[in-house]
Amino acid sequence: MRARAGLPSLRSDKLVLKAVRGALAEGHKPAFRVVQFSVQSNHLHLIVEAHDKDALSRGMQGLTVRMARAVNRALGGKGGIFADRYHAHELKTPRETRAALLYVLQNWAKHGPGGTYDPHSSAIWFDGWAKPPSSGQAPPIVAAARTWLITIGWRRHGLLRPGEKPGSLTAALSA
């Protein structure tokens, strides 16, 4: 989901970032949950679980509306905040799932100096790091994953390493 032109950075504007994170925290439903995310400057990367395509569609629609309302409240604006619809890709294999987790959680390392863990992602709550972040973090705003691929399957290909950089998503998905 790419933000419309004219909005401040979703990642660096503190009011906008707080609004987006709040909307993500409140976006979980029984049939739809955000299990990992990263906020980029003008779009979001999400890994979600949904019971079916209808639950995915309704969940994303609700999340988009929730984020638009929160960002508009923060900025005193109105209207949609996303210029386009989301792009969905169903993860089917453990290797593909690991690549997607790496892409979402470490995308910032690909585009800049990076660091250990992306502070604008769900990285601090992710339990699949080879070297976990220090304890004492805030309560998670992501839902606990329930599917085998996200909880166990991807680990067959190794835990994520802090600072590990993803390839392009296309390359990662075809590996």
Protein backbone atom coordinates (compact mmCIF):
# COMPACT_ATOMS: atom_id res chain seq x y z
CA MET A 1 0.00 0.00 0.00
CA ARG A 2 1.70 3.16 -1.19
CA ALA A 3 0.83 6.45 0.52
CA ARG A 4 -0.61 9.20 -1.62
CA ALA A 5 1.60 12.10 -2.67
CA GLY A 6 1.80 15.07 -0.35
CA LEU A 7 1.81 13.14 2.92
CA PRO A 8 4.80 13.42 5.23
CA SER A 9 7.00 10.34 5.62
CA LEU A 10 5.14 7.51 7.29
CA ARG A 11 8.45 6.51 8.82
CA SER A 12 9.97 9.75 10.08
CA ASP A 13 6.99 11.96 10.96
CA LYS A 14 6.39 11.08 14.62
CA LEU A 15 2.67 11.86 14.60
CA VAL A 16 2.06 9.84 11.45
CA LEU A 17 4.17 6.91 12.68
CA LYS A 18 2.32 6.84 15.99
CA ALA A 19 -1.03 6.89 14.16
CA VAL A 20 -0.01 4.05 11.82
CA ARG A 21 1.35 1.92 14.66
CA GLY A 22 -1.83 2.50 16.68
CA ALA A 23 -3.99 1.45 13.75
CA LEU A 24 -1.88 -1.68 13.28
CA ALA A 25 -2.24 -2.54 16.97
CA GLU A 26 -6.03 -2.28 16.75
CA GLY A 27 -6.39 -4.03 13.39
CA HIS A 28 -6.61 -7.63 14.60
CA LYS A 29 -9.82 -9.58 14.18
CA PRO A 30 -10.56 -13.28 14.76
CA ALA A 31 -10.19 -14.04 11.03
CA PHE A 32 -7.44 -11.47 10.24
CA ARG A 33 -4.23 -10.54 12.04
CA VAL A 34 -1.09 -8.56 11.30
CA VAL A 35 1.80 -10.77 12.44
CA GLN A 36 4.78 -8.72 11.12
CA PHE A 37 5.16 -5.23 9.65
CA SER A 38 7.57 -2.50 8.69
CA VAL A 39 6.75 1.11 8.04
CA GLN A 40 8.63 2.58 5.08
CA SER A 41 8.70 6.24 4.08
CA ASN A 42 5.72 6.00 1.72
CA HIS A 43 4.33 2.48 2.11
CA LEU A 44 3.99 -0.47 4.48
CA HIS A 45 5.17 -4.05 4.33
CA LEU A 46 2.86 -6.45 6.13
CA ILE A 47 2.69 -10.16 6.77
CA VAL A 48 -0.84 -11.05 7.72
CA GLU A 49 -2.77 -14.22 8.39
CA ALA A 50 -6.36 -14.48 7.23
CA HIS A 51 -8.81 -17.36 7.28
CA ASP A 52 -9.64 -16.93 3.59
CA LYS A 53 -9.65 -14.39 0.74
CA ASP A 54 -12.80 -12.68 1.99
CA ALA A 55 -11.30 -12.27 5.48
CA LEU A 56 -8.12 -10.89 3.90
CA SER A 57 -10.08 -8.41 1.80
CA ARG A 58 -12.27 -7.27 4.71
CA GLY A 59 -9.31 -7.14 7.09
CA MET A 60 -7.18 -5.04 4.74
CA GLN A 61 -10.09 -2.75 3.97
CA GLY A 62 -10.72 -2.21 7.67
CA LEU A 63 -7.03 -1.68 8.37
CA THR A 64 -6.74 0.85 5.54
CA VAL A 65 -9.73 2.81 6.83
CA ARG A 66 -8.43 2.66 10.41
CA MET A 67 -5.01 3.97 9.30
CA ALA A 68 -6.55 6.74 7.19
CA ARG A 69 -8.70 7.93 10.10
CA ALA A 70 -5.75 7.84 12.52
CA VAL A 71 -3.37 9.67 10.17
CA ASN A 72 -6.02 12.24 9.28
CA ARG A 73 -6.70 12.87 12.98
CA ALA A 74 -2.96 13.32 13.57
CA LEU A 75 -2.53 15.71 10.63
CA GLY A 76 -5.90 17.44 10.67
CA GLY A 77 -6.61 16.20 7.16
CA LYS A 78 -9.27 14.13 5.46
CA GLY A 79 -9.62 11.49 2.78
CA GLY A 80 -7.69 8.35 1.92
CA ILE A 81 -4.01 8.10 2.66
CA PHE A 82 -3.15 5.30 0.26
CA ALA A 83 -2.79 5.93 -3.46
CA ASP A 84 -3.39 2.32 -4.45
CA ARG A 85 -4.62 -1.02 -3.22
CA TYR A 86 -2.52 -3.58 -1.47
CA HIS A 87 -0.61 -6.29 -3.29
CA ALA A 88 -1.26 -9.73 -1.84
CA HIS A 89 0.95 -12.75 -2.27
CA GLU A 90 0.15 -16.05 -0.56
CA LEU A 91 3.21 -17.62 1.03
CA LYS A 92 3.38 -21.30 0.17
CA THR A 93 6.75 -22.72 1.21
CA PRO A 94 9.08 -22.45 4.21
CA ARG A 95 11.84 -20.89 2.07
CA GLU A 96 9.47 -18.33 0.58
CA THR A 97 8.16 -17.50 4.05
CA ARG A 98 11.69 -16.96 5.42
CA ALA A 99 12.47 -14.69 2.47
CA ALA A 100 9.28 -12.70 3.11
CA LEU A 101 10.05 -12.34 6.83
CA LEU A 102 13.56 -11.15 5.99
CA TYR A 103 12.21 -8.74 3.37
CA VAL A 104 9.66 -7.22 5.76
CA LEU A 105 11.83 -7.05 8.87
CA GLN A 106 15.16 -6.11 7.25
CA ASN A 107 14.14 -4.04 4.22
CA TRP A 108 15.68 -0.95 5.80
CA ALA A 109 19.12 -2.63 5.76
CA LYS A 110 18.78 -3.06 2.01
CA HIS A 111 18.17 0.65 1.38
CA GLY A 112 20.57 2.30 3.78
CA PRO A 113 23.07 1.82 6.54
CA GLY A 114 20.61 -0.38 8.37
CA GLY A 115 21.62 -1.64 11.74
CA THR A 116 20.66 -4.47 14.00
CA TYR A 117 16.86 -4.17 14.17
CA ASP A 118 14.53 -1.80 12.34
CA PRO A 119 12.93 0.47 14.97
CA HIS A 120 9.93 1.09 12.67
CA SER A 121 9.00 -2.55 12.33
CA SER A 122 7.83 -5.45 14.45
CA ALA A 123 11.44 -6.71 14.68
CA ILE A 124 11.65 -6.25 18.45
CA TRP A 125 8.77 -8.70 18.96
CA PHE A 126 9.92 -11.25 16.38
CA ASP A 127 11.11 -14.48 18.02
CA GLY A 128 13.06 -15.83 15.06
CA TRP A 129 16.33 -13.91 15.40
CA ALA A 130 19.62 -15.77 15.73
CA LYS A 131 20.52 -13.04 18.26
CA PRO A 132 17.34 -11.71 19.92
CA PRO A 133 16.98 -8.03 20.77
CA SER A 134 17.48 -7.06 24.39
CA SER A 135 14.55 -7.73 26.67
CA GLY A 136 12.31 -5.17 28.31
CA GLN A 137 10.52 -4.13 25.13
CA ALA A 138 7.04 -2.64 24.99
CA PRO A 139 4.07 -5.01 24.70
CA PRO A 140 3.69 -6.28 21.12
CA ILE A 141 1.35 -4.54 18.72
CA VAL A 142 1.37 -7.51 16.35
CA ALA A 143 -0.75 -10.61 16.78
CA ALA A 144 0.80 -13.98 17.55
CA ALA A 145 1.14 -16.02 14.37
CA ARG A 146 -0.87 -19.24 14.22
CA THR A 147 0.02 -20.86 10.91
CA TRP A 148 2.71 -23.52 10.63
CA LEU A 149 4.67 -21.62 7.94
CA ILE A 150 5.04 -18.48 10.08
CA THR A 151 5.57 -20.20 13.43
CA ILE A 152 7.72 -23.23 12.57
CA GLY A 153 8.13 -24.04 8.88
CA TRP A 154 10.38 -21.16 7.80
CA ARG A 155 12.88 -21.98 10.57
CA ARG A 156 14.03 -25.01 8.56
CA HIS A 157 16.09 -22.52 6.53
CA GLY A 158 17.74 -20.82 9.49
CA LEU A 159 16.93 -18.04 11.90
CA LEU A 160 17.21 -14.44 10.69
CA ARG A 161 20.49 -12.72 11.46
CA PRO A 162 20.52 -9.09 12.62
CA GLY A 163 21.89 -6.99 9.78
CA GLU A 164 21.12 -9.69 7.18
CA LYS A 165 20.03 -7.94 4.01
CA PRO A 166 17.25 -9.23 1.80
CA GLY A 167 17.62 -9.54 -1.94
CA SER A 168 14.88 -8.20 -4.09
CA LEU A 169 11.55 -9.78 -3.23
CA THR A 170 11.38 -11.37 -6.67
CA ALA A 171 14.79 -12.96 -6.21
CA ALA A 172 13.93 -14.04 -2.67
CA LEU A 173 10.66 -15.63 -3.71
CA SER A 174 12.24 -17.55 -6.59
CA ALA A 175 15.18 -18.86 -4.51
